[in-house]
Amino acid sequence: MKYSALSDIGLKRDKNEDNWNIILNAQGDPIGFIVADGMGGHLAGEEASRIAVELMSTAVLDCVSQNNADELKSLVSNRIEKINNQIMDYSQQNLGGLKSGTTLSAGIVLNNVLHIAHVGDSRVYLIRGDSLKQLTQDHSYVAELLKGGLISSDQAIHHPDRNRITRALGFKDNFYPDFYEVPILEQDIYVFCTDGLYEHVADHEIMELVLSEPRENVARSLVEKAKERGGSDNITVIVAWM
């Protein structure tokens, strides 16, 4: 697989609380993709997302070295629980008990399958042919309203509580990941992003940009589009393709 990636502070925030990583094997091929969107202000969100990405990166390497898809969920679940505890410990020791947290969306390439572990409202998309599909389910209040048919898609875009998430790392409860498995096919394109992208750039626009721009520059093009629309949050994008 090849990739294009970029993280940007955006236009309204004082610092970038997003973190990300692409994990390579000994041959230089990407075997893991991670994005995390920290929350809590000051150093809290930045540290939470850093902890999540660092520990998850080692989990990716462990999963690929073991080459056992049946054990992957158990290994990743254990690592995410460790991440959660470490973020809570950091908050207790450095923030006087104030909360810090982070989303986490990670993709692990194993035997031509993308294994996704997901907590929060960052997203993973698949572009296959001429269609785009959101592979992950947002853990957010608005997503629950939308799923229950209580609001429309148009209402969700501008809902005042659209940034209220229901699951994240760094909290005693509601930190468990969802898992997804997707066979990787020729010509597939995967987009990992924080909400700073999709809050400003609609799904169909993401697909159009990815398919029309030079692939190596596409992450920058997506970030710039989000900034043109206001750039109200940090923006992190990883685009990976076969």
C-alpha atoms as a PDB file:
ATOM      1  CA  MET A   1       0.000   0.000   0.000  1.00  0.00           C
ATOM      2  CA  LYS A   2       0.990   3.640  -0.499  1.00  0.00           C
ATOM      3  CA  TYR A   3      -0.127   6.611   1.549  1.00  0.00           C
ATOM      4  CA  SER A   4      -0.486  10.381   1.887  1.00  0.00           C
ATOM      5  CA  ALA A   5      -0.828  11.947   5.353  1.00  0.00           C
ATOM      6  CA  LEU A   6      -1.014  15.336   7.026  1.00  0.00           C
ATOM      7  CA  SER A   7      -2.045  16.845  10.361  1.00  0.00           C
ATOM      8  CA  ASP A   8      -2.808  20.556  10.711  1.00  0.00           C
ATOM      9  CA  ILE A   9      -3.699  22.795  13.640  1.00  0.00           C
ATOM     10  CA  GLY A  10      -6.528  24.398  11.640  1.00  0.00           C
ATOM     11  CA  LEU A  11      -7.470  28.055  11.940  1.00  0.00           C
ATOM     12  CA  LYS A  12      -9.156  28.379  15.327  1.00  0.00           C
ATOM     13  CA  ARG A  13      -7.199  26.260  17.832  1.00  0.00           C
ATOM     14  CA  ASP A  14      -4.108  27.247  19.825  1.00  0.00           C
ATOM     15  CA  LYS A  15      -2.460  23.846  19.444  1.00  0.00           C
ATOM     16  CA  ASN A  16      -2.848  20.545  17.649  1.00  0.00           C
ATOM     17  CA  GLU A  17      -4.291  17.887  19.971  1.00  0.00           C
ATOM     18  CA  ASP A  18      -4.468  15.291  17.174  1.00  0.00           C
ATOM     19  CA  ASN A  19      -1.825  12.588  16.876  1.00  0.00           C
ATOM     20  CA  TRP A  20      -1.274   9.992  14.169  1.00  0.00           C
ATOM     21  CA  ASN A  21       1.152   7.366  12.943  1.00  0.00           C
ATOM     22  CA  ILE A  22       1.808   5.053  10.025  1.00  0.00           C
ATOM     23  CA  ILE A  23       3.615   1.888  11.057  1.00  0.00           C
ATOM     24  CA  LEU A  24       5.966   0.304   8.520  1.00  0.00           C
ATOM     25  CA  ASN A  25       7.363  -3.218   8.397  1.00  0.00           C
ATOM     26  CA  ALA A  26      11.027  -4.075   7.791  1.00  0.00           C
ATOM     27  CA  GLN A  27      10.478  -3.741   4.031  1.00  0.00           C
ATOM     28  CA  GLY A  28       9.065  -0.239   4.400  1.00  0.00           C
ATOM     29  CA  ASP A  29       5.476  -1.263   3.633  1.00  0.00           C
ATOM     30  CA  PRO A  30       2.689   0.234   5.781  1.00  0.00           C
ATOM     31  CA  ILE A  31       1.078  -2.278   8.133  1.00  0.00           C
ATOM     32  CA  GLY A  32      -0.825   0.101  10.402  1.00  0.00           C
ATOM     33  CA  PHE A  33      -2.623   3.438  10.307  1.00  0.00           C
ATOM     34  CA  ILE A  34      -3.657   5.351  13.430  1.00  0.00           C
ATOM     35  CA  VAL A  35      -5.457   8.643  14.095  1.00  0.00           C
ATOM     36  CA  ALA A  36      -6.401  10.025  17.504  1.00  0.00           C
ATOM     37  CA  ASP A  37      -8.203  13.244  18.429  1.00  0.00           C
ATOM     38  CA  GLY A  38      -7.408  14.423  21.949  1.00  0.00           C
ATOM     39  CA  MET A  39      -9.754  16.382  24.156  1.00  0.00           C
ATOM     40  CA  GLY A  40      -9.411  18.247  27.409  1.00  0.00           C
ATOM     41  CA  GLY A  41      -7.597  21.460  26.584  1.00  0.00           C
ATOM     42  CA  HIS A  42      -4.147  22.616  27.712  1.00  0.00           C
ATOM     43  CA  LEU A  43      -1.785  19.606  27.458  1.00  0.00           C
ATOM     44  CA  ALA A  44      -4.515  17.137  28.368  1.00  0.00           C
ATOM     45  CA  GLY A  45      -5.821  16.237  24.913  1.00  0.00           C
ATOM     46  CA  GLU A  46      -2.401  16.358  23.319  1.00  0.00           C
ATOM     47  CA  GLU A  47      -0.985  13.929  25.885  1.00  0.00           C
ATOM     48  CA  ALA A  48      -3.999  11.613  25.744  1.00  0.00           C
ATOM     49  CA  SER A  49      -3.775  11.235  21.971  1.00  0.00           C
ATOM     50  CA  ARG A  50       0.029  10.821  22.151  1.00  0.00           C
ATOM     51  CA  ILE A  51      -0.282   8.012  24.693  1.00  0.00           C
ATOM     52  CA  ALA A  52      -2.944   6.303  22.583  1.00  0.00           C
ATOM     53  CA  VAL A  53      -0.935   6.454  19.360  1.00  0.00           C
ATOM     54  CA  GLU A  54       2.347   5.342  20.939  1.00  0.00           C
ATOM     55  CA  LEU A  55       0.880   2.308  22.700  1.00  0.00           C
ATOM     56  CA  MET A  56      -1.350   1.385  19.788  1.00  0.00           C
ATOM     57  CA  SER A  57       1.635   1.510  17.432  1.00  0.00           C
ATOM     58  CA  THR A  58       3.381  -1.204  19.438  1.00  0.00           C
ATOM     59  CA  ALA A  59       0.149  -3.230  19.393  1.00  0.00           C
ATOM     60  CA  VAL A  60       0.143  -3.086  15.588  1.00  0.00           C
ATOM     61  CA  LEU A  61       3.687  -4.453  15.481  1.00  0.00           C
ATOM     62  CA  ASP A  62       2.786  -7.203  17.952  1.00  0.00           C
ATOM     63  CA  CYS A  63      -0.294  -8.222  15.957  1.00  0.00           C
ATOM     64  CA  VAL A  64       1.595  -8.421  12.676  1.00  0.00           C
ATOM     65  CA  SER A  65       4.540 -10.293  14.181  1.00  0.00           C
ATOM     66  CA  GLN A  66       2.189 -12.890  15.705  1.00  0.00           C
ATOM     67  CA  ASN A  67       0.299 -13.140  12.394  1.00  0.00           C
ATOM     68  CA  ASN A  68      -2.749 -14.567  14.130  1.00  0.00           C
ATOM     69  CA  ALA A  69      -6.019 -12.883  13.170  1.00  0.00           C
ATOM     70  CA  ASP A  70      -7.929 -14.935  15.762  1.00  0.00           C
ATOM     71  CA  GLU A  71      -5.926 -13.360  18.591  1.00  0.00           C
ATOM     72  CA  LEU A  72      -5.929  -9.829  17.200  1.00  0.00           C
ATOM     73  CA  LYS A  73      -9.095  -8.611  18.943  1.00  0.00           C
ATOM     74  CA  SER A  74      -7.914  -9.916  22.298  1.00  0.00           C
ATOM     75  CA  LEU A  75      -4.486  -8.335  21.965  1.00  0.00           C
ATOM     76  CA  VAL A  76      -5.864  -4.979  20.815  1.00  0.00           C
ATOM     77  CA  SER A  77      -8.589  -4.950  23.482  1.00  0.00           C
ATOM     78  CA  ASN A  78      -5.990  -5.534  26.182  1.00  0.00           C
ATOM     79  CA  ARG A  79      -3.787  -2.785  24.782  1.00  0.00           C
ATOM     80  CA  ILE A  80      -6.699  -0.337  24.613  1.00  0.00           C
ATOM     81  CA  GLU A  81      -7.541  -1.058  28.249  1.00  0.00           C
ATOM     82  CA  LYS A  82      -3.890  -0.303  29.095  1.00  0.00           C
ATOM     83  CA  ILE A  83      -4.084   2.936  27.099  1.00  0.00           C
ATOM     84  CA  ASN A  84      -7.254   3.903  28.916  1.00  0.00           C
ATOM     85  CA  ASN A  85      -5.694   3.300  32.319  1.00  0.00           C
ATOM     86  CA  GLN A  86      -2.530   5.184  31.421  1.00  0.00           C
ATOM     87  CA  ILE A  87      -4.509   8.235  30.279  1.00  0.00           C
ATOM     88  CA  MET A  88      -6.534   8.196  33.509  1.00  0.00           C
ATOM     89  CA  ASP A  89      -3.309   7.910  35.525  1.00  0.00           C
ATOM     90  CA  TYR A  90      -1.838  10.855  33.622  1.00  0.00           C
ATOM     91  CA  SER A  91      -4.923  12.952  34.363  1.00  0.00           C
ATOM     92  CA  GLN A  92      -4.812  12.076  38.047  1.00  0.00           C
ATOM     93  CA  GLN A  93      -1.087  12.764  38.435  1.00  0.00           C
ATOM     94  CA  ASN A  94      -0.747  15.849  36.239  1.00  0.00           C
ATOM     95  CA  LEU A  95      -4.155  17.507  35.967  1.00  0.00           C
ATOM     96  CA  GLY A  96      -5.417  17.328  39.528  1.00  0.00           C
ATOM     97  CA  GLY A  97      -8.045  14.807  38.498  1.00  0.00           C
ATOM     98  CA  LEU A  98      -9.349  16.847  35.576  1.00  0.00           C
ATOM     99  CA  LYS A  99     -10.380  14.649  32.689  1.00  0.00           C
ATOM    100  CA  SER A 100      -8.482  14.145  29.466  1.00  0.00           C
ATOM    101  CA  GLY A 101      -9.405  11.790  26.672  1.00  0.00           C
ATOM    102  CA  THR A 102      -9.000  10.847  23.049  1.00  0.00           C
ATOM    103  CA  THR A 103     -10.630   9.090  20.160  1.00  0.00           C
ATOM    104  CA  LEU A 104      -8.729   6.269  18.461  1.00  0.00           C
ATOM    105  CA  SER A 105      -9.183   4.737  15.026  1.00  0.00           C
ATOM    106  CA  ALA A 106      -6.562   2.202  13.997  1.00  0.00           C
ATOM    107  CA  GLY A 107      -6.236  -0.028  10.959  1.00  0.00           C
ATOM    108  CA  ILE A 108      -3.991  -3.112  10.965  1.00  0.00           C
ATOM    109  CA  VAL A 109      -3.056  -4.818   7.686  1.00  0.00           C
ATOM    110  CA  LEU A 110      -2.882  -8.572   8.156  1.00  0.00           C
ATOM    111  CA  ASN A 111      -3.163 -11.188   5.387  1.00  0.00           C
ATOM    112  CA  ASN A 112      -4.821  -8.790   2.931  1.00  0.00           C
ATOM    113  CA  VAL A 113      -7.464  -7.801   5.466  1.00  0.00           C
ATOM    114  CA  LEU A 114      -7.763  -4.394   7.160  1.00  0.00           C
ATOM    115  CA  HIS A 115      -8.641  -4.955  10.820  1.00  0.00           C
ATOM    116  CA  ILE A 116     -10.059  -1.769  12.365  1.00  0.00           C
ATOM    117  CA  ALA A 117     -10.311  -0.912  16.065  1.00  0.00           C
ATOM    118  CA  HIS A 118     -12.386   2.184  16.717  1.00  0.00           C
ATOM    119  CA  VAL A 119     -13.386   4.337  19.691  1.00  0.00           C
ATOM    120  CA  GLY A 120     -14.966   7.787  19.371  1.00  0.00           C
ATOM    121  CA  ASP A 121     -15.896   9.925  16.384  1.00  0.00           C
ATOM    122  CA  SER A 122     -12.819   9.879  14.183  1.00  0.00           C
ATOM    123  CA  ARG A 123     -13.601   7.952  11.011  1.00  0.00           C
ATOM    124  CA  VAL A 124     -12.388   5.382   8.529  1.00  0.00           C
ATOM    125  CA  TYR A 125     -13.811   5.499   4.998  1.00  0.00           C
ATOM    126  CA  LEU A 126     -13.469   3.073   2.102  1.00  0.00           C
ATOM    127  CA  ILE A 127     -13.559   4.280  -1.498  1.00  0.00           C
ATOM    128  CA  ARG A 128     -14.139   1.304  -3.765  1.00  0.00           C
ATOM    129  CA  GLY A 129     -14.909   2.007  -7.403  1.00  0.00           C
ATOM    130  CA  ASP A 130     -17.098   5.084  -7.589  1.00  0.00           C
ATOM    131  CA  SER A 131     -18.617   4.857  -4.116  1.00  0.00           C
ATOM    132  CA  LEU A 132     -17.569   5.884  -0.609  1.00  0.00           C
ATOM    133  CA  LYS A 133     -18.592   4.006   2.531  1.00  0.00           C
ATOM    134  CA  GLN A 134     -18.042   5.024   6.141  1.00  0.00           C
ATOM    135  CA  LEU A 135     -16.678   1.860   7.736  1.00  0.00           C
ATOM    136  CA  THR A 136     -16.800   3.044  11.353  1.00  0.00           C
ATOM    137  CA  GLN A 137     -19.802   4.079  13.395  1.00  0.00           C
ATOM    138  CA  ASP A 138     -19.444   7.412  15.217  1.00  0.00           C
ATOM    139  CA  HIS A 139     -19.710   7.082  18.977  1.00  0.00           C
ATOM    140  CA  SER A 140     -21.564  10.354  19.347  1.00  0.00           C
ATOM    141  CA  TYR A 141     -24.851  11.680  20.657  1.00  0.00           C
ATOM    142  CA  VAL A 142     -25.879  12.898  17.211  1.00  0.00           C
ATOM    143  CA  ALA A 143     -25.067   9.530  15.627  1.00  0.00           C
ATOM    144  CA  GLU A 144     -27.407   7.871  18.126  1.00  0.00           C
ATOM    145  CA  LEU A 145     -30.175  10.372  17.312  1.00  0.00           C
ATOM    146  CA  LEU A 146     -29.634   9.767  13.604  1.00  0.00           C
ATOM    147  CA  LYS A 147     -29.633   5.981  14.007  1.00  0.00           C
ATOM    148  CA  GLY A 148     -32.865   6.183  15.992  1.00  0.00           C
ATOM    149  CA  GLY A 149     -34.535   8.253  13.276  1.00  0.00           C
ATOM    150  CA  LEU A 150     -34.967  11.208  15.621  1.00  0.00           C
ATOM    151  CA  ILE A 151     -33.134  13.665  13.344  1.00  0.00           C
ATOM    152  CA  SER A 152     -32.323  13.824   9.638  1.00  0.00           C
ATOM    153  CA  SER A 153     -28.876  13.783   8.029  1.00  0.00           C
ATOM    154  CA  ASP A 154     -29.199  17.504   7.301  1.00  0.00           C
ATOM    155  CA  GLN A 155     -30.127  18.227  10.921  1.00  0.00           C
ATOM    156  CA  ALA A 156     -27.141  16.182  12.128  1.00  0.00           C
ATOM    157  CA  ILE A 157     -24.679  18.384  10.237  1.00  0.00           C
ATOM    158  CA  HIS A 158     -25.667  21.501  12.180  1.00  0.00           C
ATOM    159  CA  HIS A 159     -26.854  19.955  15.459  1.00  0.00           C
ATOM    160  CA  PRO A 160     -25.585  21.947  18.491  1.00  0.00           C
ATOM    161  CA  ASP A 161     -24.413  18.717  20.193  1.00  0.00           C
ATOM    162  CA  ARG A 162     -22.650  17.259  17.153  1.00  0.00           C
ATOM    163  CA  ASN A 163     -19.290  17.228  18.993  1.00  0.00           C
ATOM    164  CA  ARG A 164     -20.618  15.386  22.030  1.00  0.00           C
ATOM    165  CA  ILE A 165     -19.119  11.909  21.964  1.00  0.00           C
ATOM    166  CA  THR A 166     -20.393   8.893  23.879  1.00  0.00           C
ATOM    167  CA  ARG A 167     -17.277   6.732  23.895  1.00  0.00           C
ATOM    168  CA  ALA A 168     -13.613   7.701  24.277  1.00  0.00           C
ATOM    169  CA  LEU A 169     -10.351   6.616  25.883  1.00  0.00           C
ATOM    170  CA  GLY A 170      -9.424   8.142  29.236  1.00  0.00           C
ATOM    171  CA  PHE A 171     -12.607   7.414  31.160  1.00  0.00           C
ATOM    172  CA  LYS A 172     -13.704   4.724  33.592  1.00  0.00           C
ATOM    173  CA  ASP A 173     -16.568   3.528  31.403  1.00  0.00           C
ATOM    174  CA  ASN A 174     -17.458   3.554  27.703  1.00  0.00           C
ATOM    175  CA  PHE A 175     -13.967   3.060  26.290  1.00  0.00           C
ATOM    176  CA  TYR A 176     -14.360  -0.358  24.647  1.00  0.00           C
ATOM    177  CA  PRO A 177     -13.618  -0.498  20.907  1.00  0.00           C
ATOM    178  CA  ASP A 178     -15.702  -1.610  17.977  1.00  0.00           C
ATOM    179  CA  PHE A 179     -13.949  -3.950  15.543  1.00  0.00           C
ATOM    180  CA  TYR A 180     -14.382  -4.196  11.789  1.00  0.00           C
ATOM    181  CA  GLU A 181     -12.756  -6.386   9.142  1.00  0.00           C
ATOM    182  CA  VAL A 182     -12.529  -5.436   5.464  1.00  0.00           C
ATOM    183  CA  PRO A 183     -10.868  -7.527   2.727  1.00  0.00           C
ATOM    184  CA  ILE A 184      -8.359  -5.312   0.901  1.00  0.00           C
ATOM    185  CA  LEU A 185      -8.932  -5.323  -2.853  1.00  0.00           C
ATOM    186  CA  GLU A 186      -6.949  -3.865  -5.724  1.00  0.00           C
ATOM    187  CA  GLN A 187      -7.765  -0.167  -6.278  1.00  0.00           C
ATOM    188  CA  ASP A 188      -9.168   0.246  -2.754  1.00  0.00           C
ATOM    189  CA  ILE A 189      -8.610   3.616  -1.073  1.00  0.00           C
ATOM    190  CA  TYR A 190      -8.919   4.088   2.702  1.00  0.00           C
ATOM    191  CA  VAL A 191      -9.302   7.451   4.441  1.00  0.00           C
ATOM    192  CA  PHE A 192      -8.579   7.811   8.171  1.00  0.00           C
ATOM    193  CA  CYS A 193      -9.505  11.211   9.593  1.00  0.00           C
ATOM    194  CA  THR A 194     -10.452  13.212  12.650  1.00  0.00           C
ATOM    195  CA  ASP A 195     -13.669  15.223  12.766  1.00  0.00           C
ATOM    196  CA  GLY A 196     -11.841  18.376  11.716  1.00  0.00           C
ATOM    197  CA  LEU A 197     -12.113  17.059   8.165  1.00  0.00           C
ATOM    198  CA  TYR A 198     -15.672  15.783   7.878  1.00  0.00           C
ATOM    199  CA  GLU A 199     -17.166  18.635   9.900  1.00  0.00           C
ATOM    200  CA  HIS A 200     -16.342  20.875   6.938  1.00  0.00           C
ATOM    201  CA  VAL A 201     -16.047  18.528   3.954  1.00  0.00           C
ATOM    202  CA  ALA A 202     -19.009  16.319   3.023  1.00  0.00           C
ATOM    203  CA  ASP A 203     -18.522  12.644   2.255  1.00  0.00           C
ATOM    204  CA  HIS A 204     -19.133  13.060  -1.461  1.00  0.00           C
ATOM    205  CA  GLU A 205     -16.622  15.899  -1.549  1.00  0.00           C
ATOM    206  CA  ILE A 206     -14.013  13.746   0.176  1.00  0.00           C
ATOM    207  CA  MET A 207     -14.490  11.091  -2.499  1.00  0.00           C
ATOM    208  CA  GLU A 208     -14.373  13.603  -5.345  1.00  0.00           C
ATOM    209  CA  LEU A 209     -11.150  15.160  -4.067  1.00  0.00           C
ATOM    210  CA  VAL A 210      -9.467  11.804  -3.483  1.00  0.00           C
ATOM    211  CA  LEU A 211     -10.346  10.567  -6.962  1.00  0.00           C
ATOM    212  CA  SER A 212      -9.440  13.792  -8.771  1.00  0.00           C
ATOM    213  CA  GLU A 213      -6.256  14.980  -7.046  1.00  0.00           C
ATOM    214  CA  PRO A 214      -2.751  13.541  -7.510  1.00  0.00           C
ATOM    215  CA  ARG A 215      -2.761  10.743  -4.942  1.00  0.00           C
ATOM    216  CA  GLU A 216       0.501  11.778  -3.267  1.00  0.00           C
ATOM    217  CA  ASN A 217      -0.913  15.254  -2.507  1.00  0.00           C
ATOM    218  CA  VAL A 218      -4.447  14.265  -1.597  1.00  0.00           C
ATOM    219  CA  ALA A 219      -4.092  14.560   2.200  1.00  0.00           C
ATOM    220  CA  ARG A 220      -2.930  18.161   1.823  1.00  0.00           C
ATOM    221  CA  SER A 221      -5.794  18.896  -0.584  1.00  0.00           C
ATOM    222  CA  LEU A 222      -8.332  17.562   1.927  1.00  0.00           C
ATOM    223  CA  VAL A 223      -6.815  19.563   4.778  1.00  0.00           C
ATOM    224  CA  GLU A 224      -6.777  22.740   2.700  1.00  0.00           C
ATOM    225  CA  LYS A 225     -10.431  22.236   1.751  1.00  0.00           C
ATOM    226  CA  ALA A 226     -11.386  21.933   5.436  1.00  0.00           C
ATOM    227  CA  LYS A 227      -9.460  25.132   6.199  1.00  0.00           C
ATOM    228  CA  GLU A 228     -11.159  26.957   3.323  1.00  0.00           C
ATOM    229  CA  ARG A 229     -14.473  26.073   4.980  1.00  0.00           C
ATOM    230  CA  GLY A 230     -13.419  27.502   8.353  1.00  0.00           C
ATOM    231  CA  GLY A 231     -10.851  25.118   9.837  1.00  0.00           C
ATOM    232  CA  SER A 232     -12.558  25.255  13.236  1.00  0.00           C
ATOM    233  CA  ASP A 233     -10.726  22.201  14.609  1.00  0.00           C
ATOM    234  CA  ASN A 234      -7.466  20.325  14.210  1.00  0.00           C
ATOM    235  CA  ILE A 235      -7.466  18.300  10.992  1.00  0.00           C
ATOM    236  CA  THR A 236      -5.700  14.969  10.509  1.00  0.00           C
ATOM    237  CA  VAL A 237      -5.956  12.845   7.360  1.00  0.00           C
ATOM    238  CA  ILE A 238      -4.319   9.611   6.244  1.00  0.00           C
ATOM    239  CA  VAL A 239      -5.156   8.316   2.761  1.00  0.00           C
ATOM    240  CA  ALA A 240      -3.917   4.802   1.924  1.00  0.00           C
ATOM    241  CA  TRP A 241      -4.358   2.986  -1.355  1.00  0.00           C
ATOM    242  CA  MET A 242      -3.445  -0.207  -3.158  1.00  0.00           C
END
